[in-house]
Protein backbone atom coordinates (compact mmCIF):
# COMPACT_ATOMS: atom_id res chain seq x y z
CA MET A 1 -0.30 0.12 0.28
CA VAL A 2 2.71 2.30 0.67
CA PHE A 3 4.75 1.90 -2.21
CA LEU A 4 0.79 2.08 -4.54
CA LEU A 5 0.30 5.59 -2.55
CA ALA A 6 4.73 6.73 -3.49
CA GLN A 7 4.06 6.09 -7.09
CA LEU A 8 0.89 7.69 -7.06
CA GLY A 9 2.68 11.11 -5.28
CA ALA A 10 5.62 10.47 -8.38
CA ASP A 11 2.91 10.71 -10.96
CA ALA A 12 1.31 13.22 -9.76
CA SER A 13 4.27 15.34 -9.36
CA ALA A 14 5.71 14.30 -12.98
CA ALA A 15 2.45 14.94 -14.50
CA PHE A 16 2.07 18.59 -12.68
CA GLU A 17 5.75 19.20 -13.92
CA GLU A 18 4.88 18.35 -17.80
CA ALA A 19 1.85 20.39 -17.30
CA LEU A 20 3.85 23.57 -15.84
CA THR A 21 6.58 22.95 -19.04
CA PRO A 22 4.46 25.00 -21.62
CA LEU A 23 4.76 28.35 -19.12
CA GLY A 24 8.17 27.76 -18.46
CA LEU A 25 8.47 27.17 -14.87
CA THR A 26 9.02 24.37 -12.10
CA ALA A 27 7.32 23.04 -9.04
CA SER A 28 9.14 25.13 -6.57
CA GLU A 29 8.90 28.51 -8.75
CA VAL A 30 4.64 27.91 -8.69
CA GLY A 31 4.90 27.25 -4.98
CA LEU A 32 7.10 30.55 -4.36
CA LEU A 33 4.60 32.12 -6.15
CA ARG A 34 1.83 31.29 -4.30
CA LEU A 35 3.30 31.83 -1.30
CA VAL A 36 4.38 35.22 -1.81
CA GLY A 37 0.64 35.92 -3.64
CA ARG A 38 -1.05 34.64 -0.39
CA ASN A 39 1.89 36.72 1.93
CA PRO A 40 3.04 39.55 0.36
CA GLY A 41 5.74 41.26 1.76
CA ILE A 42 6.76 38.10 3.02
CA SER A 43 10.81 38.28 4.06
CA GLN A 44 12.73 35.02 2.21
CA LYS A 45 13.86 33.82 5.66
CA ALA A 46 9.89 33.50 6.48
CA ALA A 47 9.23 31.73 3.05
CA SER A 48 11.92 29.73 3.88
CA GLU A 49 10.52 28.95 6.95
CA GLN A 50 7.24 28.08 5.77
CA LEU A 51 8.40 25.92 2.72
CA GLY A 52 10.78 24.33 4.94
CA VAL A 53 13.52 24.22 2.86
CA GLY A 54 16.91 26.34 3.10
CA PRO A 55 17.25 29.62 2.48
CA SER A 56 19.83 29.12 -0.64
CA ARG A 57 17.15 27.13 -2.32
CA VAL A 58 14.53 29.87 -1.55
CA VAL A 59 17.23 32.52 -2.87
CA ALA A 60 17.95 30.48 -6.30
CA VAL A 61 14.50 30.07 -7.33
CA LEU A 62 13.79 33.67 -6.43
CA ASP A 63 16.77 34.66 -8.75
CA ARG A 64 15.18 32.69 -11.13
CA LEU A 65 11.37 34.71 -10.46
CA GLU A 66 12.89 37.89 -10.41
CA ARG A 67 14.89 37.37 -13.20
CA ALA A 68 11.36 36.40 -15.47
CA GLY A 69 9.68 39.46 -13.93
CA HIS A 70 7.42 38.17 -11.66
CA VAL A 71 8.65 39.01 -8.00
CA GLU A 72 10.64 42.07 -7.02
CA ARG A 73 12.53 42.14 -3.61
CA LEU A 74 12.64 45.55 -1.73
CA ARG A 75 14.66 45.69 1.60
CA SER A 76 12.14 45.81 4.40
CA VAL A 77 11.82 49.20 6.29
CA PHE A 78 11.62 47.73 9.32
CA ASP A 79 14.72 45.46 8.93
CA ARG A 80 17.37 46.38 6.46
CA ARG A 81 19.17 43.30 6.78
CA SER A 82 16.25 42.13 5.53
CA HIS A 83 14.15 41.85 1.88
CA GLU A 84 10.61 41.99 1.73
CA VAL A 85 9.35 39.72 -2.04
CA LEU A 86 6.02 40.73 -3.92
CA LEU A 87 4.55 39.90 -7.05
CA THR A 88 4.90 42.19 -9.73
CA PRO A 89 2.22 42.71 -11.91
CA ASP A 90 2.96 40.08 -14.81
CA GLY A 91 3.62 37.60 -11.63
CA GLU A 92 -0.03 38.39 -9.99
CA ARG A 93 -1.48 37.40 -14.28
CA LEU A 94 0.63 34.46 -13.77
CA LEU A 95 -0.72 33.29 -10.76
CA ALA A 96 -3.91 34.16 -11.21
CA ALA A 97 -3.48 32.12 -15.01
CA LEU A 98 -2.40 29.24 -12.68
């Protein structure tokens, strides 16, 4: 039974990745877009904690999303050592389409 559930999860993940291919996105990018969309201004650190992944992984995904014009990082007005992450108008349209 556990094997079948694991196989189902792997198949669903592969199908999701395949569905994202035309959009040029990965599941990690979509997950981070959704998180930022639900939490505008979230810090990179908080995003890392929410997703349960290392900060360097979040930064790498944010770098890709920022280069694509989907998110922007602004220095926090509350803590200059921190950056807040926001969707751009393009990122908002993309998230709505997803």
